[in-house]
């Protein structure tokens, strides 16, 4: 996972200037010979500071980062995907067949040449790192190449990110692609499942939680600004670093010891296994008296479930079962 410290983790539609002319900075062109607009278009949206007007839905899309790929697949938009990149873990089983038909441009982020070679009219990025200026792939540069973009709003929402921001992300993406009803159904499903978990936890006492993403000399953890914090709370937990004014950030081990979490939630992704992360925590004598370490209380979430995407309800349900075993 691209660490948010370097490239803060990661929507409001920044959809790309289609090579076929379906989007522009200033809106559609008027003229006697212009084709009739598609239903619901032109559509103008401002996403993470970039304003785009779409005269028609994008047709050739590249997604970069797993959670935004799964947003597209959950909306039934696999036919628009001409390329994808950067998985953190396994794609959800219900999307696997559709995903396997999409060209994988790179294991992580593709080069500018490879990206442009896919001839996209829209690039949808999950993290700021998807639009890295050092690779010549910042949003302004892609715009100059006739490509519209969108960045997942977890990367640019000033306040905390929760279920309402998930609804915004899904709504805007669905609207950009002319399938608003699919978006409404997907949002309703997420809200319904989360409400069921909350009802089951009505009488449960919150567990204090430390999220361990990575780190050795310091701990890279979930702060109070990202959807990860909301997932912990909805699942019957209390993030001990909810006061960290960031989606992710580094904290000292001394701070972890002082806050005495009851449970460690480990994010599972990349080359360091869950077993290796547990071993690092359990073998640190300084952490021996932390209740979660002393009692070996661990929970695990895939990283792709802990960012703003269509796994939020899954993550809430999964984590609630780990924090409160036996709770309906």
C-alpha atoms as a PDB file:
ATOM      1  CA  UNK A   1       0.000   0.000   0.000  1.00  0.00           C
ATOM      2  CA  UNK A   2       1.307   3.466  -0.841  1.00  0.00           C
ATOM      3  CA  UNK A   3       1.912   4.967   2.640  1.00  0.00           C
ATOM      4  CA  UNK A   4      -0.265   7.990   3.169  1.00  0.00           C
ATOM      5  CA  UNK A   5       2.531   9.732   4.968  1.00  0.00           C
ATOM      6  CA  UNK A   6       4.241  10.148   1.611  1.00  0.00           C
ATOM      7  CA  UNK A   7       1.121  10.251  -0.495  1.00  0.00           C
ATOM      8  CA  UNK A   8      -1.826  10.555   1.850  1.00  0.00           C
ATOM      9  CA  UNK A   9      -4.267   7.685   1.386  1.00  0.00           C
ATOM     10  CA  UNK A  10      -7.110   7.898  -0.499  1.00  0.00           C
ATOM     11  CA  UNK A  11     -13.165  10.861  -3.898  1.00  0.00           C
ATOM     12  CA  UNK A  12     -15.387  13.025  -5.709  1.00  0.00           C
ATOM     13  CA  UNK A  13     -15.449  12.460  -9.444  1.00  0.00           C
ATOM     14  CA  UNK A  14     -12.402  13.691 -11.246  1.00  0.00           C
ATOM     15  CA  UNK A  15     -13.301  11.925 -14.335  1.00  0.00           C
ATOM     16  CA  UNK A  16     -11.036  12.030 -17.298  1.00  0.00           C
ATOM     17  CA  UNK A  17     -11.266  14.012 -20.464  1.00  0.00           C
ATOM     18  CA  UNK A  18     -12.274  11.307 -22.872  1.00  0.00           C
ATOM     19  CA  UNK A  19     -10.328  11.017 -26.042  1.00  0.00           C
ATOM     20  CA  UNK A  20     -13.748  10.641 -27.622  1.00  0.00           C
ATOM     21  CA  UNK A  21     -14.775  14.040 -26.250  1.00  0.00           C
ATOM     22  CA  UNK A  22     -17.104  12.948 -23.425  1.00  0.00           C
ATOM     23  CA  UNK A  23     -15.643  15.369 -20.900  1.00  0.00           C
ATOM     24  CA  UNK A  24     -14.154  18.819 -20.724  1.00  0.00           C
ATOM     25  CA  UNK A  25     -13.150  21.559 -18.318  1.00  0.00           C
ATOM     26  CA  UNK A  26     -15.775  23.989 -19.552  1.00  0.00           C
ATOM     27  CA  UNK A  27     -18.656  21.764 -20.603  1.00  0.00           C
ATOM     28  CA  UNK A  28     -20.107  20.468 -23.825  1.00  0.00           C
ATOM     29  CA  UNK A  29     -20.114  22.291 -27.128  1.00  0.00           C
ATOM     30  CA  UNK A  30     -23.278  23.753 -28.578  1.00  0.00           C
ATOM     31  CA  UNK A  31     -24.021  23.587 -32.249  1.00  0.00           C
ATOM     32  CA  UNK A  32     -26.661  22.671 -34.761  1.00  0.00           C
ATOM     33  CA  UNK A  33     -24.831  19.504 -35.706  1.00  0.00           C
ATOM     34  CA  UNK A  34     -24.222  18.297 -32.136  1.00  0.00           C
ATOM     35  CA  UNK A  35     -25.505  14.829 -31.245  1.00  0.00           C
ATOM     36  CA  UNK A  36     -28.274  14.731 -28.643  1.00  0.00           C
ATOM     37  CA  UNK A  37     -26.966  14.481 -25.082  1.00  0.00           C
ATOM     38  CA  UNK A  38     -27.246  11.183 -23.218  1.00  0.00           C
ATOM     39  CA  UNK A  39     -29.793  11.109 -20.400  1.00  0.00           C
ATOM     40  CA  UNK A  40     -28.461  12.985 -17.384  1.00  0.00           C
ATOM     41  CA  UNK A  41     -25.719  14.729 -19.358  1.00  0.00           C
ATOM     42  CA  UNK A  42     -23.916  17.051 -19.436  1.00  0.00           C
ATOM     43  CA  UNK A  43     -22.858  16.343 -15.842  1.00  0.00           C
ATOM     44  CA  UNK A  44     -20.447  18.586 -13.943  1.00  0.00           C
ATOM     45  CA  UNK A  45     -18.660  17.490 -10.810  1.00  0.00           C
ATOM     46  CA  UNK A  46     -15.814  18.815  -8.682  1.00  0.00           C
ATOM     47  CA  UNK A  47     -13.560  16.090  -7.318  1.00  0.00           C
ATOM     48  CA  UNK A  48     -10.688  16.864  -4.951  1.00  0.00           C
ATOM     49  CA  UNK A  49     -10.406  20.356  -6.403  1.00  0.00           C
ATOM     50  CA  UNK A  50     -10.725  19.400 -10.071  1.00  0.00           C
ATOM     51  CA  UNK A  51     -13.885  20.416 -11.928  1.00  0.00           C
ATOM     52  CA  UNK A  52     -14.949  18.330 -14.905  1.00  0.00           C
ATOM     53  CA  UNK A  53     -17.965  18.419 -17.200  1.00  0.00           C
ATOM     54  CA  UNK A  54     -18.956  15.177 -18.905  1.00  0.00           C
ATOM     55  CA  UNK A  55     -21.043  15.317 -22.052  1.00  0.00           C
ATOM     56  CA  UNK A  56     -21.368  11.528 -22.026  1.00  0.00           C
ATOM     57  CA  UNK A  57     -20.107   8.657 -19.836  1.00  0.00           C
ATOM     58  CA  UNK A  58     -16.408   7.741 -20.138  1.00  0.00           C
ATOM     59  CA  UNK A  59     -15.857   4.697 -22.339  1.00  0.00           C
ATOM     60  CA  UNK A  60     -12.226   3.650 -21.821  1.00  0.00           C
ATOM     61  CA  UNK A  61     -11.304   3.558 -18.156  1.00  0.00           C
ATOM     62  CA  UNK A  62      -8.150   2.581 -16.285  1.00  0.00           C
ATOM     63  CA  UNK A  63      -8.429   1.995 -12.539  1.00  0.00           C
ATOM     64  CA  UNK A  64      -5.398   2.248 -10.274  1.00  0.00           C
ATOM     65  CA  UNK A  65      -5.770   0.712  -6.801  1.00  0.00           C
ATOM     66  CA  UNK A  66      -7.980  -2.189  -5.849  1.00  0.00           C
ATOM     67  CA  UNK A  67     -10.767  -0.458  -3.973  1.00  0.00           C
ATOM     68  CA  UNK A  68     -11.700   1.793  -6.896  1.00  0.00           C
ATOM     69  CA  UNK A  69     -11.539  -1.157  -9.280  1.00  0.00           C
ATOM     70  CA  UNK A  70     -14.069  -2.908  -7.064  1.00  0.00           C
ATOM     71  CA  UNK A  71     -16.315   0.184  -7.051  1.00  0.00           C
ATOM     72  CA  UNK A  72     -16.471  -0.032 -10.841  1.00  0.00           C
ATOM     73  CA  UNK A  73     -17.161  -3.774 -10.771  1.00  0.00           C
ATOM     74  CA  UNK A  74     -19.834  -3.425  -8.085  1.00  0.00           C
ATOM     75  CA  UNK A  75     -21.599  -0.912 -10.352  1.00  0.00           C
ATOM     76  CA  UNK A  76     -21.490  -3.378 -13.248  1.00  0.00           C
ATOM     77  CA  UNK A  77     -19.105  -1.211 -15.282  1.00  0.00           C
ATOM     78  CA  UNK A  78     -16.551  -3.861 -16.215  1.00  0.00           C
ATOM     79  CA  UNK A  79     -17.270  -3.301 -19.910  1.00  0.00           C
ATOM     80  CA  UNK A  80     -15.772   0.205 -19.564  1.00  0.00           C
ATOM     81  CA  UNK A  81     -12.466  -1.015 -18.105  1.00  0.00           C
ATOM     82  CA  UNK A  82      -9.573  -1.237 -20.557  1.00  0.00           C
ATOM     83  CA  UNK A  83      -6.938  -1.653 -17.860  1.00  0.00           C
ATOM     84  CA  UNK A  84      -6.299  -1.917 -14.144  1.00  0.00           C
ATOM     85  CA  UNK A  85      -3.357  -1.896 -11.760  1.00  0.00           C
ATOM     86  CA  UNK A  86      -2.241  -2.326  -8.152  1.00  0.00           C
ATOM     87  CA  UNK A  87      -3.937  -5.029  -6.080  1.00  0.00           C
ATOM     88  CA  UNK A  88      -3.360  -5.129  -2.321  1.00  0.00           C
ATOM     89  CA  UNK A  89      -4.943  -8.564  -1.870  1.00  0.00           C
ATOM     90  CA  UNK A  90      -7.448 -10.868  -3.560  1.00  0.00           C
ATOM     91  CA  UNK A  91     -10.350  -9.366  -5.480  1.00  0.00           C
ATOM     92  CA  UNK A  92     -13.705 -10.244  -3.912  1.00  0.00           C
ATOM     93  CA  UNK A  93     -14.986 -13.599  -5.238  1.00  0.00           C
ATOM     94  CA  UNK A  94     -18.137 -12.081  -6.722  1.00  0.00           C
ATOM     95  CA  UNK A  95     -15.996  -9.822  -8.935  1.00  0.00           C
ATOM     96  CA  UNK A  96     -13.255 -12.296  -9.824  1.00  0.00           C
ATOM     97  CA  UNK A  97     -14.698 -13.439 -13.144  1.00  0.00           C
ATOM     98  CA  UNK A  98     -15.199  -9.867 -14.353  1.00  0.00           C
ATOM     99  CA  UNK A  99     -11.775  -8.816 -13.077  1.00  0.00           C
ATOM    100  CA  UNK A 100     -10.027 -11.658 -14.883  1.00  0.00           C
ATOM    101  CA  UNK A 101     -11.239 -10.286 -18.220  1.00  0.00           C
ATOM    102  CA  UNK A 102      -9.569  -6.903 -17.658  1.00  0.00           C
ATOM    103  CA  UNK A 103      -5.985  -6.302 -18.762  1.00  0.00           C
ATOM    104  CA  UNK A 104      -3.614  -5.805 -15.824  1.00  0.00           C
ATOM    105  CA  UNK A 105      -1.267  -3.015 -16.891  1.00  0.00           C
ATOM    106  CA  UNK A 106       1.186  -3.406 -14.015  1.00  0.00           C
ATOM    107  CA  UNK A 107       1.595  -5.148 -10.685  1.00  0.00           C
ATOM    108  CA  UNK A 108       1.810  -1.725  -9.045  1.00  0.00           C
ATOM    109  CA  UNK A 109       1.494   1.577 -10.949  1.00  0.00           C
ATOM    110  CA  UNK A 110       2.125   1.515 -14.714  1.00  0.00           C
ATOM    111  CA  UNK A 111       4.583   3.849 -16.388  1.00  0.00           C
ATOM    112  CA  UNK A 112       3.180   6.825 -18.241  1.00  0.00           C
ATOM    113  CA  UNK A 113       3.925   5.098 -21.551  1.00  0.00           C
ATOM    114  CA  UNK A 114       2.012   1.968 -20.552  1.00  0.00           C
ATOM    115  CA  UNK A 115      -0.886   3.999 -19.190  1.00  0.00           C
ATOM    116  CA  UNK A 116      -1.183   6.116 -22.336  1.00  0.00           C
ATOM    117  CA  UNK A 117      -0.811   2.961 -24.427  1.00  0.00           C
ATOM    118  CA  UNK A 118      -4.154   1.746 -23.052  1.00  0.00           C
ATOM    119  CA  UNK A 119      -5.721   4.843 -24.669  1.00  0.00           C
ATOM    120  CA  UNK A 120      -7.962   5.728 -21.708  1.00  0.00           C
ATOM    121  CA  UNK A 121     -10.387   8.606 -21.617  1.00  0.00           C
ATOM    122  CA  UNK A 122     -10.644   8.360 -17.832  1.00  0.00           C
ATOM    123  CA  UNK A 123      -8.322   7.272 -15.009  1.00  0.00           C
ATOM    124  CA  UNK A 124      -9.744   6.497 -11.572  1.00  0.00           C
ATOM    125  CA  UNK A 125      -7.185   6.469  -8.745  1.00  0.00           C
ATOM    126  CA  UNK A 126      -7.589   5.202  -5.208  1.00  0.00           C
ATOM    127  CA  UNK A 127      -4.681   7.050  -3.580  1.00  0.00           C
ATOM    128  CA  UNK A 128      -2.801  10.283  -4.255  1.00  0.00           C
ATOM    129  CA  UNK A 129       0.111   8.108  -5.345  1.00  0.00           C
ATOM    130  CA  UNK A 130      -1.855   7.040  -8.426  1.00  0.00           C
ATOM    131  CA  UNK A 131      -1.309  10.552  -9.793  1.00  0.00           C
ATOM    132  CA  UNK A 132       2.380  10.945  -9.015  1.00  0.00           C
ATOM    133  CA  UNK A 133       3.902  13.986 -10.721  1.00  0.00           C
ATOM    134  CA  UNK A 134       7.362  12.373 -10.755  1.00  0.00           C
ATOM    135  CA  UNK A 135       5.995   9.743 -13.155  1.00  0.00           C
ATOM    136  CA  UNK A 136       4.359  12.402 -15.327  1.00  0.00           C
ATOM    137  CA  UNK A 137       0.941  11.131 -14.250  1.00  0.00           C
ATOM    138  CA  UNK A 138      -0.440  13.972 -12.190  1.00  0.00           C
ATOM    139  CA  UNK A 139      -3.989  14.947 -12.975  1.00  0.00           C
ATOM    140  CA  UNK A 140      -3.057  18.153 -14.784  1.00  0.00           C
ATOM    141  CA  UNK A 141      -0.649  16.297 -17.063  1.00  0.00           C
ATOM    142  CA  UNK A 142      -3.220  13.623 -17.844  1.00  0.00           C
ATOM    143  CA  UNK A 143      -5.714  16.360 -18.641  1.00  0.00           C
ATOM    144  CA  UNK A 144      -3.212  17.794 -21.122  1.00  0.00           C
ATOM    145  CA  UNK A 145      -3.188  14.347 -22.722  1.00  0.00           C
ATOM    146  CA  UNK A 146      -6.959  14.438 -23.107  1.00  0.00           C
ATOM    147  CA  UNK A 147      -7.679  12.202 -20.133  1.00  0.00           C
ATOM    148  CA  UNK A 148     -10.123  12.986 -17.334  1.00  0.00           C
ATOM    149  CA  UNK A 149      -9.445  11.712 -13.825  1.00  0.00           C
ATOM    150  CA  UNK A 150     -11.044  10.957 -10.498  1.00  0.00           C
ATOM    151  CA  UNK A 151      -9.412  10.514  -7.080  1.00  0.00           C
ATOM    152  CA  UNK A 152     -11.147   8.607  -4.281  1.00  0.00           C
ATOM    153  CA  UNK A 153     -12.421  11.300  -1.918  1.00  0.00           C
ATOM    154  CA  UNK A 154     -10.877   9.713   1.160  1.00  0.00           C
ATOM    155  CA  UNK A 155      -7.735  11.521  -0.003  1.00  0.00           C
ATOM    156  CA  UNK A 156      -9.190  15.019   0.045  1.00  0.00           C
ATOM    157  CA  UNK A 157     -12.065  15.222   2.512  1.00  0.00           C
ATOM    158  CA  UNK A 158     -11.094  17.741   5.180  1.00  0.00           C
ATOM    159  CA  UNK A 159     -13.234  16.272   7.940  1.00  0.00           C
ATOM    160  CA  UNK A 160     -13.580  12.645   8.966  1.00  0.00           C
ATOM    161  CA  UNK A 161     -14.617  10.050   6.402  1.00  0.00           C
ATOM    162  CA  UNK A 162     -17.627   7.856   7.074  1.00  0.00           C
ATOM    163  CA  UNK A 163     -20.593   6.162   5.474  1.00  0.00           C
ATOM    164  CA  UNK A 164     -21.906   9.474   4.101  1.00  0.00           C
ATOM    165  CA  UNK A 165     -18.654   9.989   2.174  1.00  0.00           C
ATOM    166  CA  UNK A 166     -18.902   6.421   0.868  1.00  0.00           C
ATOM    167  CA  UNK A 167     -22.361   7.318  -0.423  1.00  0.00           C
ATOM    168  CA  UNK A 168     -20.911  10.425  -2.091  1.00  0.00           C
ATOM    169  CA  UNK A 169     -18.189   8.404  -3.782  1.00  0.00           C
ATOM    170  CA  UNK A 170     -20.573   5.790  -5.121  1.00  0.00           C
ATOM    171  CA  UNK A 171     -23.186   8.366  -6.131  1.00  0.00           C
ATOM    172  CA  UNK A 172     -20.738  10.485  -8.095  1.00  0.00           C
ATOM    173  CA  UNK A 173     -19.097   7.553  -9.865  1.00  0.00           C
ATOM    174  CA  UNK A 174     -22.486   6.068 -10.776  1.00  0.00           C
ATOM    175  CA  UNK A 175     -23.683   9.463 -11.996  1.00  0.00           C
ATOM    176  CA  UNK A 176     -20.534   9.961 -14.092  1.00  0.00           C
ATOM    177  CA  UNK A 177     -21.196   6.683 -15.880  1.00  0.00           C
ATOM    178  CA  UNK A 178     -24.915   7.253 -16.331  1.00  0.00           C
ATOM    179  CA  UNK A 179     -26.047   4.512 -13.937  1.00  0.00           C
ATOM    180  CA  UNK A 180     -27.415   6.452 -10.928  1.00  0.00           C
ATOM    181  CA  UNK A 181     -29.939   3.777  -9.990  1.00  0.00           C
ATOM    182  CA  UNK A 182     -27.193   1.172  -9.614  1.00  0.00           C
ATOM    183  CA  UNK A 183     -25.443   3.556  -7.253  1.00  0.00           C
ATOM    184  CA  UNK A 184     -28.576   4.057  -5.146  1.00  0.00           C
ATOM    185  CA  UNK A 185     -29.075   0.302  -4.814  1.00  0.00           C
ATOM    186  CA  UNK A 186     -25.453  -0.260  -3.835  1.00  0.00           C
ATOM    187  CA  UNK A 187     -25.574   2.479  -1.180  1.00  0.00           C
ATOM    188  CA  UNK A 188     -28.845   1.123   0.236  1.00  0.00           C
ATOM    189  CA  UNK A 189     -27.304  -2.354   0.523  1.00  0.00           C
ATOM    190  CA  UNK A 190     -24.253  -1.020   2.376  1.00  0.00           C
ATOM    191  CA  UNK A 191     -26.366   1.020   4.794  1.00  0.00           C
ATOM    192  CA  UNK A 192     -28.757  -1.877   5.448  1.00  0.00           C
ATOM    193  CA  UNK A 193     -25.947  -4.274   6.345  1.00  0.00           C
ATOM    194  CA  UNK A 194     -24.207  -1.751   8.594  1.00  0.00           C
ATOM    195  CA  UNK A 195     -27.477  -0.996  10.416  1.00  0.00           C
ATOM    196  CA  UNK A 196     -27.929  -4.713  11.102  1.00  0.00           C
ATOM    197  CA  UNK A 197     -24.481  -4.894  12.723  1.00  0.00           C
ATOM    198  CA  UNK A 198     -25.166  -1.797  14.828  1.00  0.00           C
ATOM    199  CA  UNK A 199     -28.425  -3.314  16.058  1.00  0.00           C
ATOM    200  CA  UNK A 200     -26.604  -6.482  17.100  1.00  0.00           C
ATOM    201  CA  UNK A 201     -24.032  -4.462  19.068  1.00  0.00           C
ATOM    202  CA  UNK A 202     -26.557  -2.281  20.864  1.00  0.00           C
ATOM    203  CA  UNK A 203     -25.635  -3.600  24.321  1.00  0.00           C
ATOM    204  CA  UNK A 204     -21.929  -4.264  23.667  1.00  0.00           C
ATOM    205  CA  UNK A 205     -19.195  -2.255  25.393  1.00  0.00           C
ATOM    206  CA  UNK A 206     -16.661  -0.747  22.945  1.00  0.00           C
ATOM    207  CA  UNK A 207     -13.215  -2.385  22.804  1.00  0.00           C
ATOM    208  CA  UNK A 208     -10.206  -0.060  22.651  1.00  0.00           C
ATOM    209  CA  UNK A 209      -8.339  -0.748  19.418  1.00  0.00           C
ATOM    210  CA  UNK A 210      -4.884  -0.034  18.036  1.00  0.00           C
ATOM    211  CA  UNK A 211      -4.644  -0.448  14.247  1.00  0.00           C
ATOM    212  CA  UNK A 212      -1.270  -1.789  13.168  1.00  0.00           C
ATOM    213  CA  UNK A 213      -0.592  -1.230   9.501  1.00  0.00           C
ATOM    214  CA  UNK A 214       3.199  -1.509   9.536  1.00  0.00           C
ATOM    215  CA  UNK A 215       6.346  -0.126  11.090  1.00  0.00           C
ATOM    216  CA  UNK A 216       9.259  -1.075  13.309  1.00  0.00           C
ATOM    217  CA  UNK A 217      10.917   1.972  14.845  1.00  0.00           C
ATOM    218  CA  UNK A 218       7.489   3.608  14.906  1.00  0.00           C
ATOM    219  CA  UNK A 219       3.962   2.388  14.211  1.00  0.00           C
ATOM    220  CA  UNK A 220       2.035   3.326  11.082  1.00  0.00           C
ATOM    221  CA  UNK A 221      -1.600   3.390  12.173  1.00  0.00           C
ATOM    222  CA  UNK A 222      -5.098   4.538  11.251  1.00  0.00           C
ATOM    223  CA  UNK A 223      -5.946   8.033  12.423  1.00  0.00           C
ATOM    224  CA  UNK A 224      -9.302   9.672  12.885  1.00  0.00           C
ATOM    225  CA  UNK A 225      -9.780  11.068   9.381  1.00  0.00           C
ATOM    226  CA  UNK A 226     -10.207   7.879   7.333  1.00  0.00           C
ATOM    227  CA  UNK A 227     -12.938   5.307   6.858  1.00  0.00           C
ATOM    228  CA  UNK A 228     -10.830   2.894   8.936  1.00  0.00           C
ATOM    229  CA  UNK A 229     -11.685   4.890  12.059  1.00  0.00           C
ATOM    230  CA  UNK A 230     -15.390   4.735  11.194  1.00  0.00           C
ATOM    231  CA  UNK A 231     -15.195   0.988  10.584  1.00  0.00           C
ATOM    232  CA  UNK A 232     -13.686   0.454  14.043  1.00  0.00           C
ATOM    233  CA  UNK A 233     -16.442   2.499  15.689  1.00  0.00           C
ATOM    234  CA  UNK A 234     -19.286   0.850  13.753  1.00  0.00           C
ATOM    235  CA  UNK A 235     -17.858  -2.554  14.655  1.00  0.00           C
ATOM    236  CA  UNK A 236     -18.012  -1.807  18.381  1.00  0.00           C
ATOM    237  CA  UNK A 237     -14.507  -0.474  18.880  1.00  0.00           C
ATOM    238  CA  UNK A 238     -12.765   2.736  19.887  1.00  0.00           C
ATOM    239  CA  UNK A 239      -9.676   3.725  17.927  1.00  0.00           C
ATOM    240  CA  UNK A 240      -7.039   4.782  20.475  1.00  0.00           C
ATOM    241  CA  UNK A 241      -5.536   7.087  17.834  1.00  0.00           C
ATOM    242  CA  UNK A 242      -8.779   8.683  16.699  1.00  0.00           C
ATOM    243  CA  UNK A 243      -7.212  12.019  17.714  1.00  0.00           C
ATOM    244  CA  UNK A 244      -4.551  11.639  15.003  1.00  0.00           C
ATOM    245  CA  UNK A 245      -5.519  14.297  12.443  1.00  0.00           C
ATOM    246  CA  UNK A 246      -4.878  12.154   9.394  1.00  0.00           C
ATOM    247  CA  UNK A 247      -6.169   9.107   7.559  1.00  0.00           C
ATOM    248  CA  UNK A 248      -2.925   7.295   8.393  1.00  0.00           C
ATOM    249  CA  UNK A 249       0.159   8.381  10.279  1.00  0.00           C
ATOM    250  CA  UNK A 250       3.145   7.388  12.392  1.00  0.00           C
ATOM    251  CA  UNK A 251       2.991   7.218  16.178  1.00  0.00           C
ATOM    252  CA  UNK A 252       5.610   6.187  18.714  1.00  0.00           C
ATOM    253  CA  UNK A 253       5.515   2.859  20.498  1.00  0.00           C
ATOM    254  CA  UNK A 254       5.549   4.828  23.743  1.00  0.00           C
ATOM    255  CA  UNK A 255       2.185   6.281  22.734  1.00  0.00           C
ATOM    256  CA  UNK A 256       0.826   2.807  22.002  1.00  0.00           C
ATOM    257  CA  UNK A 257       1.963   1.600  25.434  1.00  0.00           C
ATOM    258  CA  UNK A 258       0.420   4.611  27.160  1.00  0.00           C
ATOM    259  CA  UNK A 259      -2.976   4.141  25.475  1.00  0.00           C
ATOM    260  CA  UNK A 260      -3.209   0.446  26.473  1.00  0.00           C
ATOM    261  CA  UNK A 261      -5.399  -0.952  23.657  1.00  0.00           C
ATOM    262  CA  UNK A 262      -7.396  -4.114  24.354  1.00  0.00           C
ATOM    263  CA  UNK A 263      -7.207  -5.356  20.759  1.00  0.00           C
ATOM    264  CA  UNK A 264      -4.721  -4.913  17.899  1.00  0.00           C
ATOM    265  CA  UNK A 265      -6.298  -4.794  14.437  1.00  0.00           C
ATOM    266  CA  UNK A 266      -3.712  -5.828  11.845  1.00  0.00           C
ATOM    267  CA  UNK A 267      -4.060  -4.683   8.245  1.00  0.00           C
ATOM    268  CA  UNK A 268      -3.194  -7.558   5.945  1.00  0.00           C
ATOM    269  CA  UNK A 269      -1.455  -6.725   2.659  1.00  0.00           C
ATOM    270  CA  UNK A 270       1.851  -6.726   0.833  1.00  0.00           C
ATOM    271  CA  UNK A 271       4.974  -8.734   1.549  1.00  0.00           C
ATOM    272  CA  UNK A 272       4.819  -8.720   5.360  1.00  0.00           C
ATOM    273  CA  UNK A 273       2.475 -11.441   6.565  1.00  0.00           C
ATOM    274  CA  UNK A 274       0.036 -11.206   9.450  1.00  0.00           C
ATOM    275  CA  UNK A 275       2.109 -13.846  11.259  1.00  0.00           C
ATOM    276  CA  UNK A 276       5.236 -11.687  10.914  1.00  0.00           C
ATOM    277  CA  UNK A 277       3.415  -8.621  12.247  1.00  0.00           C
ATOM    278  CA  UNK A 278       2.102 -10.570  15.236  1.00  0.00           C
ATOM    279  CA  UNK A 279       5.585 -11.899  15.929  1.00  0.00           C
ATOM    280  CA  UNK A 280       7.053  -8.387  15.870  1.00  0.00           C
ATOM    281  CA  UNK A 281       4.484  -7.215  18.442  1.00  0.00           C
ATOM    282  CA  UNK A 282       4.642 -10.263  20.684  1.00  0.00           C
ATOM    283  CA  UNK A 283       8.454 -10.297  20.756  1.00  0.00           C
ATOM    284  CA  UNK A 284       8.841  -6.658  21.781  1.00  0.00           C
ATOM    285  CA  UNK A 285       9.456  -6.633  25.557  1.00  0.00           C
ATOM    286  CA  UNK A 286       8.378  -3.002  25.753  1.00  0.00           C
ATOM    287  CA  UNK A 287       4.855  -4.014  24.684  1.00  0.00           C
ATOM    288  CA  UNK A 288       4.521  -6.968  27.062  1.00  0.00           C
ATOM    289  CA  UNK A 289       2.157  -5.182  29.473  1.00  0.00           C
ATOM    290  CA  UNK A 290      -0.128  -3.744  26.791  1.00  0.00           C
ATOM    291  CA  UNK A 291      -3.444  -5.589  27.381  1.00  0.00           C
ATOM    292  CA  UNK A 292      -3.856  -6.586  23.726  1.00  0.00           C
ATOM    293  CA  UNK A 293      -0.353  -8.066  23.590  1.00  0.00           C
ATOM    294  CA  UNK A 294      -0.491  -9.688  27.018  1.00  0.00           C
ATOM    295  CA  UNK A 295      -3.821 -11.370  26.142  1.00  0.00           C
ATOM    296  CA  UNK A 296      -2.890 -12.017  22.492  1.00  0.00           C
ATOM    297  CA  UNK A 297      -6.013 -10.257  21.268  1.00  0.00           C
ATOM    298  CA  UNK A 298      -5.640  -9.721  17.538  1.00  0.00           C
ATOM    299  CA  UNK A 299      -8.108  -9.016  14.754  1.00  0.00           C
ATOM    300  CA  UNK A 300      -7.281  -8.913  11.035  1.00  0.00           C
ATOM    301  CA  UNK A 301      -8.671  -6.919   8.116  1.00  0.00           C
ATOM    302  CA  UNK A 302      -7.454  -6.907   4.511  1.00  0.00           C
ATOM    303  CA  UNK A 303      -6.212  -3.436   3.631  1.00  0.00           C
ATOM    304  CA  UNK A 304      -8.678  -3.263   0.743  1.00  0.00           C
ATOM    305  CA  UNK A 305     -11.478  -3.555   3.340  1.00  0.00           C
ATOM    306  CA  UNK A 306     -10.180  -0.621   5.381  1.00  0.00           C
ATOM    307  CA  UNK A 307     -10.330   2.094   2.716  1.00  0.00           C
ATOM    308  CA  UNK A 308     -13.260   3.914   1.088  1.00  0.00           C
ATOM    309  CA  UNK A 309     -14.809   1.327  -1.188  1.00  0.00           C
ATOM    310  CA  UNK A 310     -17.547  -1.246  -1.472  1.00  0.00           C
ATOM    311  CA  UNK A 311     -16.133  -3.473   1.283  1.00  0.00           C
ATOM    312  CA  UNK A 312     -17.074  -1.149   4.136  1.00  0.00           C
ATOM    313  CA  UNK A 313     -20.134  -3.151   5.237  1.00  0.00           C
ATOM    314  CA  UNK A 314     -18.136  -6.387   4.924  1.00  0.00           C
ATOM    315  CA  UNK A 315     -15.396  -4.881   7.073  1.00  0.00           C
ATOM    316  CA  UNK A 316     -17.811  -3.683   9.756  1.00  0.00           C
ATOM    317  CA  UNK A 317     -19.454  -7.092   9.959  1.00  0.00           C
ATOM    318  CA  UNK A 318     -16.152  -8.969   9.932  1.00  0.00           C
ATOM    319  CA  UNK A 319     -14.486  -6.778  12.553  1.00  0.00           C
ATOM    320  CA  UNK A 320     -17.538  -6.765  14.813  1.00  0.00           C
ATOM    321  CA  UNK A 321     -17.391 -10.564  14.905  1.00  0.00           C
ATOM    322  CA  UNK A 322     -13.719 -10.432  15.903  1.00  0.00           C
ATOM    323  CA  UNK A 323     -14.107  -7.700  18.536  1.00  0.00           C
ATOM    324  CA  UNK A 324     -17.299  -9.152  20.013  1.00  0.00           C
ATOM    325  CA  UNK A 325     -17.343 -12.923  19.410  1.00  0.00           C
ATOM    326  CA  UNK A 326     -20.794 -14.427  19.729  1.00  0.00           C
ATOM    327  CA  UNK A 327     -22.607 -11.138  19.140  1.00  0.00           C
ATOM    328  CA  UNK A 328     -25.478 -11.503  16.631  1.00  0.00           C
END
